PDB file of all heavy atoms in Angstrom:
ATOM      1  N   ALA A   1     104.513  92.139  93.677  1.00  0.00           N
ATOM      2  CA  ALA A   1     103.816  92.867  94.641  1.00  0.00           C
ATOM      3  C   ALA A   1     104.667  93.891  95.410  1.00  0.00           C
ATOM      4  O   ALA A   1     104.251  94.994  95.562  1.00  0.00           O
ATOM      5  CB  ALA A   1     103.171  92.021  95.695  1.00  0.00           C
ATOM      6  N   SER A   2     105.961  93.566  95.590  1.00  0.00           N
ATOM      7  CA  SER A   2     106.901  94.484  96.212  1.00  0.00           C
ATOM      8  C   SER A   2     107.197  95.616  95.198  1.00  0.00           C
ATOM      9  O   SER A   2     107.280  96.779  95.658  1.00  0.00           O
ATOM     10  CB  SER A   2     108.081  93.706  96.555  1.00  0.00           C
ATOM     11  OG  SER A   2     108.071  92.897  97.592  1.00  0.00           O
ATOM     12  N   LEU A   3     107.319  95.323  93.950  1.00  0.00           N
ATOM     13  CA  LEU A   3     107.597  96.357  92.934  1.00  0.00           C
ATOM     14  C   LEU A   3     106.318  97.346  92.832  1.00  0.00           C
ATOM     15  O   LEU A   3     106.576  98.593  92.969  1.00  0.00           O
ATOM     16  CB  LEU A   3     107.874  95.785  91.521  1.00  0.00           C
ATOM     17  CG  LEU A   3     109.123  94.995  91.485  1.00  0.00           C
ATOM     18  CD1 LEU A   3     109.266  94.369  90.130  1.00  0.00           C
ATOM     19  CD2 LEU A   3     110.245  96.106  91.568  1.00  0.00           C
ATOM     20  N   TYR A   4     105.193  96.812  92.805  1.00  0.00           N
ATOM     21  CA  TYR A   4     103.915  97.666  92.704  1.00  0.00           C
ATOM     22  C   TYR A   4     103.886  98.472  93.994  1.00  0.00           C
ATOM     23  O   TYR A   4     103.555  99.677  93.882  1.00  0.00           O
ATOM     24  CB  TYR A   4     102.684  96.885  92.449  1.00  0.00           C
ATOM     25  CG  TYR A   4     102.346  96.494  91.062  1.00  0.00           C
ATOM     26  CD1 TYR A   4     102.568  95.290  90.403  1.00  0.00           C
ATOM     27  CD2 TYR A   4     101.854  97.587  90.261  1.00  0.00           C
ATOM     28  CE1 TYR A   4     102.170  95.100  89.100  1.00  0.00           C
ATOM     29  CE2 TYR A   4     101.523  97.364  88.932  1.00  0.00           C
ATOM     30  CZ  TYR A   4     101.712  96.026  88.333  1.00  0.00           C
ATOM     31  OH  TYR A   4     101.432  95.772  87.018  1.00  0.00           O
ATOM     32  N   ALA A   5     104.050  97.751  95.116  1.00  0.00           N
ATOM     33  CA  ALA A   5     103.853  98.515  96.360  1.00  0.00           C
ATOM     34  C   ALA A   5     105.025  99.508  96.467  1.00  0.00           C
ATOM     35  O   ALA A   5     104.521 100.683  97.065  1.00  0.00           O
ATOM     36  CB  ALA A   5     103.906  97.514  97.558  1.00  0.00           C
ATOM     37  N   GLY A   6     106.125  99.336  96.118  1.00  0.00           N
ATOM     38  CA  GLY A   6     107.145 100.319  96.115  1.00  0.00           C
ATOM     39  C   GLY A   6     106.746 101.583  95.372  1.00  0.00           C
ATOM     40  O   GLY A   6     107.033 102.614  95.698  1.00  0.00           O
ATOM     41  N   TYR A   7     106.339 101.401  94.054  1.00  0.00           N
ATOM     42  CA  TYR A   7     105.956 102.454  93.266  1.00  0.00           C
ATOM     43  C   TYR A   7     104.831 103.302  93.759  1.00  0.00           C
ATOM     44  O   TYR A   7     104.770 104.518  93.830  1.00  0.00           O
ATOM     45  CB  TYR A   7     105.746 102.121  91.780  1.00  0.00           C
ATOM     46  CG  TYR A   7     106.985 101.865  91.097  1.00  0.00           C
ATOM     47  CD1 TYR A   7     107.337 100.647  90.528  1.00  0.00           C
ATOM     48  CD2 TYR A   7     107.903 102.919  90.910  1.00  0.00           C
ATOM     49  CE1 TYR A   7     108.587 100.544  89.862  1.00  0.00           C
ATOM     50  CE2 TYR A   7     109.013 102.784  90.073  1.00  0.00           C
ATOM     51  CZ  TYR A   7     109.358 101.588  89.548  1.00  0.00           C
ATOM     52  OH  TYR A   7     110.490 101.394  88.872  1.00  0.00           O
ATOM     53  N   LEU A   8     103.835 102.469  94.356  1.00  0.00           N
ATOM     54  CA  LEU A   8     102.617 103.154  95.012  1.00  0.00           C
ATOM     55  C   LEU A   8     102.933 103.915  96.156  1.00  0.00           C
ATOM     56  O   LEU A   8     102.525 104.956  96.475  1.00  0.00           O
ATOM     57  CB  LEU A   8     101.569 102.140  95.159  1.00  0.00           C
ATOM     58  CG  LEU A   8     100.807 101.617  94.037  1.00  0.00           C
ATOM     59  CD1 LEU A   8      99.938 100.246  94.387  1.00  0.00           C
ATOM     60  CD2 LEU A   8      99.955 102.636  93.451  1.00  0.00           C
ATOM     61  N   PHE A   9     103.974 103.310  96.970  1.00  0.00           N
ATOM     62  CA  PHE A   9     104.363 103.952  98.125  1.00  0.00           C
ATOM     63  C   PHE A   9     105.162 105.284  97.790  1.00  0.00           C
ATOM     64  O   PHE A   9     105.088 106.227  98.454  1.00  0.00           O
ATOM     65  CB  PHE A   9     105.355 102.945  98.889  1.00  0.00           C
ATOM     66  CG  PHE A   9     105.925 103.376 100.257  1.00  0.00           C
ATOM     67  CD1 PHE A   9     105.003 103.360 101.316  1.00  0.00           C
ATOM     68  CD2 PHE A   9     107.088 103.880 100.414  1.00  0.00           C
ATOM     69  CE1 PHE A   9     105.531 103.843 102.571  1.00  0.00           C
ATOM     70  CE2 PHE A   9     107.527 104.367 101.621  1.00  0.00           C
ATOM     71  CZ  PHE A   9     106.745 104.323 102.767  1.00  0.00           C
ATOM     72  N   GLY A  10     106.028 105.006  96.797  1.00  0.00           N
ATOM     73  CA  GLY A  10     106.744 106.303  96.258  1.00  0.00           C
ATOM     74  C   GLY A  10     105.789 107.363  95.876  1.00  0.00           C
ATOM     75  O   GLY A  10     106.097 108.578  96.191  1.00  0.00           O
ATOM     76  N   ASP A  11     104.732 107.070  95.208  1.00  0.00           N
ATOM     77  CA  ASP A  11     103.769 108.099  94.973  1.00  0.00           C
ATOM     78  C   ASP A  11     103.086 108.656  96.181  1.00  0.00           C
ATOM     79  O   ASP A  11     102.848 109.950  96.171  1.00  0.00           O
ATOM     80  CB  ASP A  11     102.675 107.551  93.956  1.00  0.00           C
ATOM     81  CG  ASP A  11     103.014 107.606  92.527  1.00  0.00           C
ATOM     82  OD1 ASP A  11     104.075 108.236  92.222  1.00  0.00           O
ATOM     83  OD2 ASP A  11     102.267 107.041  91.703  1.00  0.00           O
ATOM     84  N   LEU A  12     102.797 107.886  97.094  1.00  0.00           N
ATOM     85  CA  LEU A  12     102.025 108.371  98.338  1.00  0.00           C
ATOM     86  C   LEU A  12     102.994 109.258  99.296  1.00  0.00           C
ATOM     87  O   LEU A  12     102.527 110.156  99.834  1.00  0.00           O
ATOM     88  CB  LEU A  12     101.454 107.222  99.164  1.00  0.00           C
ATOM     89  CG  LEU A  12     100.295 106.548  98.589  1.00  0.00           C
ATOM     90  CD1 LEU A  12      99.892 105.409  99.485  1.00  0.00           C
ATOM     91  CD2 LEU A  12      99.164 107.471  98.555  1.00  0.00           C
ATOM     92  N   MET A  13     104.346 108.910  99.121  1.00  0.00           N
ATOM     93  CA  MET A  13     105.280 109.529 100.156  1.00  0.00           C
ATOM     94  C   MET A  13     105.881 110.793  99.424  1.00  0.00           C
ATOM     95  O   MET A  13     106.717 111.396 100.194  1.00  0.00           O
ATOM     96  CB  MET A  13     106.266 108.594 100.606  1.00  0.00           C
ATOM     97  CG  MET A  13     105.834 107.565 101.518  1.00  0.00           C
ATOM     98  SD  MET A  13     105.179 108.420 103.023  1.00  0.00           S
ATOM     99  CE  MET A  13     104.385 107.092 103.888  1.00  0.00           C
ATOM    100  N   LYS A  14     105.606 111.058  98.275  1.00  0.00           N
ATOM    101  CA  LYS A  14     106.190 112.232  97.631  1.00  0.00           C
ATOM    102  C   LYS A  14     105.768 113.446  98.461  1.00  0.00           C
ATOM    103  O   LYS A  14     104.630 113.694  98.559  1.00  0.00           O
ATOM    104  CB  LYS A  14     105.816 112.423  96.219  1.00  0.00           C
ATOM    105  CG  LYS A  14     106.608 111.563  95.297  1.00  0.00           C
ATOM    106  CD  LYS A  14     106.873 112.250  94.005  1.00  0.00           C
ATOM    107  CE  LYS A  14     107.413 111.335  93.032  1.00  0.00           C
ATOM    108  NZ  LYS A  14     108.656 110.840  93.245  1.00  0.00           N
ATOM    109  N   GLY A  15     106.759 114.251  98.853  1.00  0.00           N
ATOM    110  CA  GLY A  15     106.584 115.370  99.623  1.00  0.00           C
ATOM    111  C   GLY A  15     107.711 116.398  99.636  1.00  0.00           C
ATOM    112  O   GLY A  15     108.519 116.442  98.693  1.00  0.00           O
ATOM    113  N   ARG A  16     107.882 117.141 100.666  1.00  0.00           N
ATOM    114  CA  ARG A  16     108.974 118.129 100.816  1.00  0.00           C
ATOM    115  C   ARG A  16     110.426 117.377 100.887  1.00  0.00           C
ATOM    116  O   ARG A  16     111.322 117.940 100.329  1.00  0.00           O
ATOM    117  CB  ARG A  16     108.751 118.943 102.005  1.00  0.00           C
ATOM    118  CG  ARG A  16     107.714 120.025 101.885  1.00  0.00           C
ATOM    119  CD  ARG A  16     107.747 120.928 102.969  1.00  0.00           C
ATOM    120  NE  ARG A  16     107.427 120.182 104.186  1.00  0.00           N
ATOM    121  CZ  ARG A  16     107.199 120.785 105.345  1.00  0.00           C
ATOM    122  NH1 ARG A  16     107.265 122.084 105.436  1.00  0.00           N
ATOM    123  NH2 ARG A  16     106.997 119.990 106.422  1.00  0.00           N
ATOM    124  N   PHE A  17     110.376 116.220 101.552  1.00  0.00           N
ATOM    125  CA  PHE A  17     111.726 115.558 101.869  1.00  0.00           C
ATOM    126  C   PHE A  17     112.022 114.377 101.056  1.00  0.00           C
ATOM    127  O   PHE A  17     113.151 113.996 100.912  1.00  0.00           O
ATOM    128  CB  PHE A  17     111.865 115.310 103.267  1.00  0.00           C
ATOM    129  CG  PHE A  17     111.681 116.383 104.232  1.00  0.00           C
ATOM    130  CD1 PHE A  17     110.572 116.648 104.914  1.00  0.00           C
ATOM    131  CD2 PHE A  17     112.786 117.253 104.364  1.00  0.00           C
ATOM    132  CE1 PHE A  17     110.408 117.636 105.672  1.00  0.00           C
ATOM    133  CE2 PHE A  17     112.614 118.459 105.204  1.00  0.00           C
ATOM    134  CZ  PHE A  17     111.389 118.728 105.811  1.00  0.00           C
ATOM    135  N   TYR A  18     111.005 113.808 100.449  1.00  0.00           N
ATOM    136  CA  TYR A  18     111.274 112.459  99.698  1.00  0.00           C
ATOM    137  C   TYR A  18     110.853 112.698  98.217  1.00  0.00           C
ATOM    138  O   TYR A  18     109.747 113.188  97.891  1.00  0.00           O
ATOM    139  CB  TYR A  18     110.470 111.353 100.315  1.00  0.00           C
ATOM    140  CG  TYR A  18     110.767 110.055  99.622  1.00  0.00           C
ATOM    141  CD1 TYR A  18     111.914 109.437  99.644  1.00  0.00           C
ATOM    142  CD2 TYR A  18     109.704 109.413  98.810  1.00  0.00           C
ATOM    143  CE1 TYR A  18     112.149 108.307  98.995  1.00  0.00           C
ATOM    144  CE2 TYR A  18     109.969 108.277  98.129  1.00  0.00           C
ATOM    145  CZ  TYR A  18     111.152 107.688  98.280  1.00  0.00           C
ATOM    146  OH  TYR A  18     111.302 106.492  97.662  1.00  0.00           O
ATOM    147  N   ARG A  19     111.732 112.306  97.451  1.00  0.00           N
ATOM    148  CA  ARG A  19     111.506 112.514  95.928  1.00  0.00           C
ATOM    149  C   ARG A  19     112.072 111.174  95.257  1.00  0.00           C
ATOM    150  O   ARG A  19     112.767 111.130  94.337  1.00  0.00           O
ATOM    151  CB  ARG A  19     112.402 113.600  95.372  1.00  0.00           C
ATOM    152  CG  ARG A  19     112.225 114.963  95.950  1.00  0.00           C
ATOM    153  CD  ARG A  19     111.122 115.700  95.122  1.00  0.00           C
ATOM    154  NE  ARG A  19     111.078 117.065  95.649  1.00  0.00           N
ATOM    155  CZ  ARG A  19     109.989 117.631  96.143  1.00  0.00           C
ATOM    156  NH1 ARG A  19     108.842 116.765  96.179  1.00  0.00           N
ATOM    157  NH2 ARG A  19     109.923 118.835  96.644  1.00  0.00           N
ATOM    158  N   GLY A  20     111.517 110.087  95.650  1.00  0.00           N
ATOM    159  CA  GLY A  20     111.747 108.800  95.145  1.00  0.00           C
ATOM    160  C   GLY A  20     111.078 108.473  93.841  1.00  0.00           C
ATOM    161  O   GLY A  20     110.477 109.137  93.270  1.00  0.00           O
ATOM    162  N   PRO A  21     111.286 107.123  93.470  1.00  0.00           N
ATOM    163  CA  PRO A  21     110.682 106.671  92.271  1.00  0.00           C
ATOM    164  C   PRO A  21     109.110 106.703  92.384  1.00  0.00           C
ATOM    165  O   PRO A  21     108.583 106.450  93.451  1.00  0.00           O
ATOM    166  CB  PRO A  21     111.147 105.235  92.004  1.00  0.00           C
ATOM    167  CG  PRO A  21     111.574 104.825  93.482  1.00  0.00           C
ATOM    168  CD  PRO A  21     112.048 106.115  94.162  1.00  0.00           C
ATOM    169  N   SER A  22     108.535 106.994  91.211  1.00  0.00           N
ATOM    170  CA  SER A  22     106.979 106.963  91.278  1.00  0.00           C
ATOM    171  C   SER A  22     106.591 106.046  90.224  1.00  0.00           C
ATOM    172  O   SER A  22     107.418 105.494  89.344  1.00  0.00           O
ATOM    173  CB  SER A  22     106.423 108.376  91.257  1.00  0.00           C
ATOM    174  OG  SER A  22     106.703 108.849  89.859  1.00  0.00           O
ATOM    175  N   LEU A  23     105.200 105.871  90.087  1.00  0.00           N
ATOM    176  CA  LEU A  23     104.747 105.017  88.980  1.00  0.00           C
ATOM    177  C   LEU A  23     104.847 105.724  87.652  1.00  0.00           C
ATOM    178  O   LEU A  23     104.675 104.927  86.637  1.00  0.00           O
ATOM    179  CB  LEU A  23     103.242 104.862  89.306  1.00  0.00           C
ATOM    180  CG  LEU A  23     102.915 103.737  90.381  1.00  0.00           C
ATOM    181  CD1 LEU A  23     101.481 103.619  90.660  1.00  0.00           C
ATOM    182  CD2 LEU A  23     103.328 102.348  89.768  1.00  0.00           C
ATOM    183  N   LEU A  24     105.053 106.932  87.553  1.00  0.00           N
ATOM    184  CA  LEU A  24     105.234 107.585  86.228  1.00  0.00           C
ATOM    185  C   LEU A  24     106.408 107.041  85.489  1.00  0.00           C
ATOM    186  O   LEU A  24     106.385 107.066  84.227  1.00  0.00           O
ATOM    187  CB  LEU A  24     105.391 109.070  86.415  1.00  0.00           C
ATOM    188  CG  LEU A  24     104.114 109.773  86.950  1.00  0.00           C
ATOM    189  CD1 LEU A  24     104.354 111.280  87.205  1.00  0.00           C
ATOM    190  CD2 LEU A  24     102.904 109.618  86.124  1.00  0.00           C
ATOM    191  N   ALA A  25     107.377 106.410  86.192  1.00  0.00           N
ATOM    192  CA  ALA A  25     108.601 105.991  85.552  1.00  0.00           C
ATOM    193  C   ALA A  25     108.133 104.627  84.902  1.00  0.00           C
ATOM    194  O   ALA A  25     108.864 104.089  83.929  1.00  0.00           O
ATOM    195  CB  ALA A  25     109.664 105.744  86.531  1.00  0.00           C
ATOM    196  N   ALA A  26     107.108 103.992  85.199  1.00  0.00           N
ATOM    197  CA  ALA A  26     106.654 102.657  84.663  1.00  0.00           C
ATOM    198  C   ALA A  26     105.789 102.824  83.405  1.00  0.00           C
ATOM    199  O   ALA A  26     105.424 101.881  82.795  1.00  0.00           O
ATOM    200  CB  ALA A  26     105.871 101.943  85.711  1.00  0.00           C
ATOM    201  N   GLY A  27     105.549 104.051  82.924  1.00  0.00           N
ATOM    202  CA  GLY A  27     104.694 104.314  81.796  1.00  0.00           C
ATOM    203  C   GLY A  27     103.380 104.832  82.108  1.00  0.00           C
ATOM    204  O   GLY A  27     103.089 105.570  83.136  1.00  0.00           O
ATOM    205  N   ASN A  28     102.376 104.469  81.363  1.00  0.00           N
ATOM    206  CA  ASN A  28     101.003 104.861  81.499  1.00  0.00           C
ATOM    207  C   ASN A  28     100.337 104.070  82.709  1.00  0.00           C
ATOM    208  O   ASN A  28      99.897 102.879  82.468  1.00  0.00           O
ATOM    209  CB  ASN A  28     100.253 104.718  80.250  1.00  0.00           C
ATOM    210  CG  ASN A  28      98.895 105.526  80.394  1.00  0.00           C
ATOM    211  OD1 ASN A  28      98.434 105.932  81.288  1.00  0.00           O
ATOM    212  ND2 ASN A  28      98.245 105.478  79.172  1.00  0.00           N
ATOM    213  N   ILE A  29     100.249 104.621  83.814  1.00  0.00           N
ATOM    214  CA  ILE A  29      99.665 103.884  84.938  1.00  0.00           C
ATOM    215  C   ILE A  29      98.252 103.872  84.931  1.00  0.00           C
ATOM    216  O   ILE A  29      97.623 103.009  85.700  1.00  0.00           O
ATOM    217  CB  ILE A  29     100.209 104.454  86.261  1.00  0.00           C
ATOM    218  CG1 ILE A  29      99.839 105.936  86.407  1.00  0.00           C
ATOM    219  CG2 ILE A  29     101.784 104.380  86.399  1.00  0.00           C
ATOM    220  CD1 ILE A  29      99.899 106.453  87.794  1.00  0.00           C
ATOM    221  N   ASP A  30      97.569 104.695  84.309  1.00  0.00           N
ATOM    222  CA  ASP A  30      96.039 104.735  84.384  1.00  0.00           C
ATOM    223  C   ASP A  30      95.403 103.520  83.668  1.00  0.00           C
ATOM    224  O   ASP A  30      94.282 103.220  83.988  1.00  0.00           O
ATOM    225  CB  ASP A  30      95.571 105.917  83.715  1.00  0.00           C
ATOM    226  CG  ASP A  30      95.963 107.268  84.376  1.00  0.00           C
ATOM    227  OD1 ASP A  30      96.105 107.175  85.679  1.00  0.00           O
ATOM    228  OD2 ASP A  30      96.159 108.225  83.759  1.00  0.00           O
ATOM    229  N   ARG A  31      96.146 102.841  82.936  1.00  0.00           N
ATOM    230  CA  ARG A  31      95.665 101.596  82.177  1.00  0.00           C
ATOM    231  C   ARG A  31      96.010 100.343  82.882  1.00  0.00           C
ATOM    232  O   ARG A  31      95.618  99.346  82.521  1.00  0.00           O
ATOM    233  CB  ARG A  31      96.120 101.611  80.759  1.00  0.00           C
ATOM    234  CG  ARG A  31      95.528 102.846  80.061  1.00  0.00           C
ATOM    235  CD  ARG A  31      96.102 103.270  78.714  1.00  0.00           C
ATOM    236  NE  ARG A  31      96.288 102.156  77.798  1.00  0.00           N
ATOM    237  CZ  ARG A  31      96.888 102.285  76.591  1.00  0.00           C
ATOM    238  NH1 ARG A  31      97.364 103.505  76.287  1.00  0.00           N
ATOM    239  NH2 ARG A  31      97.175 101.352  75.846  1.00  0.00           N
ATOM    240  N   ASP A  32      96.740 100.378  83.918  1.00  0.00           N
ATOM    241  CA  ASP A  32      97.327  99.222  84.577  1.00  0.00           C
ATOM    242  C   ASP A  32      96.137  98.561  85.443  1.00  0.00           C
ATOM    243  O   ASP A  32      95.724  99.269  86.345  1.00  0.00           O
ATOM    244  CB  ASP A  32      98.676  99.535  85.464  1.00  0.00           C
ATOM    245  CG  ASP A  32      99.173  98.127  85.927  1.00  0.00           C
ATOM    246  OD1 ASP A  32      98.730  97.595  86.819  1.00  0.00           O
ATOM    247  OD2 ASP A  32     100.204  97.772  85.346  1.00  0.00           O
ATOM    248  N   LYS A  33      95.884  97.359  85.379  1.00  0.00           N
ATOM    249  CA  LYS A  33      94.799  96.678  86.121  1.00  0.00           C
ATOM    250  C   LYS A  33      95.023  96.711  87.649  1.00  0.00           C
ATOM    251  O   LYS A  33      94.120  97.054  88.447  1.00  0.00           O
ATOM    252  CB  LYS A  33      94.632  95.318  85.552  1.00  0.00           C
ATOM    253  CG  LYS A  33      93.510  94.548  86.228  1.00  0.00           C
ATOM    254  CD  LYS A  33      93.475  93.109  85.783  1.00  0.00           C
ATOM    255  CE  LYS A  33      92.516  92.336  86.737  1.00  0.00           C
ATOM    256  NZ  LYS A  33      92.899  90.807  86.740  1.00  0.00           N
ATOM    257  N   VAL A  34      96.266  96.384  88.059  1.00  0.00           N
ATOM    258  CA  VAL A  34      96.548  96.192  89.394  1.00  0.00           C
ATOM    259  C   VAL A  34      96.441  97.680  90.108  1.00  0.00           C
ATOM    260  O   VAL A  34      95.904  97.806  91.157  1.00  0.00           O
ATOM    261  CB  VAL A  34      97.967  95.742  89.593  1.00  0.00           C
ATOM    262  CG1 VAL A  34      98.313  95.684  91.050  1.00  0.00           C
ATOM    263  CG2 VAL A  34      98.038  94.274  89.088  1.00  0.00           C
ATOM    264  N   VAL A  35      97.048  98.586  89.428  1.00  0.00           N
ATOM    265  CA  VAL A  35      96.903  99.926  90.041  1.00  0.00           C
ATOM    266  C   VAL A  35      95.523 100.476  90.097  1.00  0.00           C
ATOM    267  O   VAL A  35      95.169 101.143  91.177  1.00  0.00           O
ATOM    268  CB  VAL A  35      97.777 101.029  89.163  1.00  0.00           C
ATOM    269  CG1 VAL A  35      97.630 102.363  89.650  1.00  0.00           C
ATOM    270  CG2 VAL A  35      99.303 100.602  89.142  1.00  0.00           C
ATOM    271  N   LYS A  36      94.765 100.136  89.156  1.00  0.00           N
ATOM    272  CA  LYS A  36      93.360 100.599  89.160  1.00  0.00           C
ATOM    273  C   LYS A  36      92.620  99.889  90.314  1.00  0.00           C
ATOM    274  O   LYS A  36      91.934 100.544  91.041  1.00  0.00           O
ATOM    275  CB  LYS A  36      92.500 100.173  87.866  1.00  0.00           C
ATOM    276  CG  LYS A  36      92.858 101.146  86.774  1.00  0.00           C
ATOM    277  CD  LYS A  36      91.846 100.559  85.633  1.00  0.00           C
ATOM    278  CE  LYS A  36      92.282 101.221  84.259  1.00  0.00           C
ATOM    279  NZ  LYS A  36      91.471 100.647  83.131  1.00  0.00           N
ATOM    280  N   THR A  37      92.916  98.611  90.417  1.00  0.00           N
ATOM    281  CA  THR A  37      92.181  97.788  91.545  1.00  0.00           C
ATOM    282  C   THR A  37      92.638  98.306  92.964  1.00  0.00           C
ATOM    283  O   THR A  37      91.906  98.460  93.887  1.00  0.00           O
ATOM    284  CB  THR A  37      92.652  96.283  91.470  1.00  0.00           C
ATOM    285  OG1 THR A  37      92.341  95.809  90.137  1.00  0.00           O
ATOM    286  CG2 THR A  37      91.959  95.488  92.457  1.00  0.00           C
ATOM    287  N   VAL A  38      93.967  98.490  93.112  1.00  0.00           N
ATOM    288  CA  VAL A  38      94.520  98.989  94.473  1.00  0.00           C
ATOM    289  C   VAL A  38      93.889 100.389  94.740  1.00  0.00           C
ATOM    290  O   VAL A  38      93.403 100.666  95.847  1.00  0.00           O
ATOM    291  CB  VAL A  38      95.927  98.916  94.407  1.00  0.00           C
ATOM    292  CG1 VAL A  38      96.487  99.781  95.717  1.00  0.00           C
ATOM    293  CG2 VAL A  38      96.486  97.507  94.372  1.00  0.00           C
ATOM    294  N   ARG A  39      93.993 101.321  93.772  1.00  0.00           N
ATOM    295  CA  ARG A  39      93.490 102.695  94.037  1.00  0.00           C
ATOM    296  C   ARG A  39      91.920 102.671  94.133  1.00  0.00           C
ATOM    297  O   ARG A  39      91.453 103.619  94.789  1.00  0.00           O
ATOM    298  CB  ARG A  39      94.054 103.630  92.946  1.00  0.00           C
ATOM    299  CG  ARG A  39      95.384 103.887  93.063  1.00  0.00           C
ATOM    300  CD  ARG A  39      95.871 105.000  92.069  1.00  0.00           C
ATOM    301  NE  ARG A  39      97.218 105.363  92.343  1.00  0.00           N
ATOM    302  CZ  ARG A  39      97.954 106.115  91.543  1.00  0.00           C
ATOM    303  NH1 ARG A  39      97.503 106.402  90.354  1.00  0.00           N
ATOM    304  NH2 ARG A  39      99.187 106.326  91.870  1.00  0.00           N
ATOM    305  N   GLY A  40      91.337 101.772  93.571  1.00  0.00           N
ATOM    306  CA  GLY A  40      89.887 101.790  93.619  1.00  0.00           C
ATOM    307  C   GLY A  40      89.298 101.053  94.951  1.00  0.00           C
ATOM    308  O   GLY A  40      88.094 101.147  95.121  1.00  0.00           O
TER     309      GLY A  40
END
């Protein structure tokens, strides 16, 4: 859960000052069940 939350948090916080890891580093995120559930 910490790993998923960290990547989701990185995607949400991407902006002018923060360029941290995102879910794109984990591969195809659109097919992940957990990501779909959380974003839905």
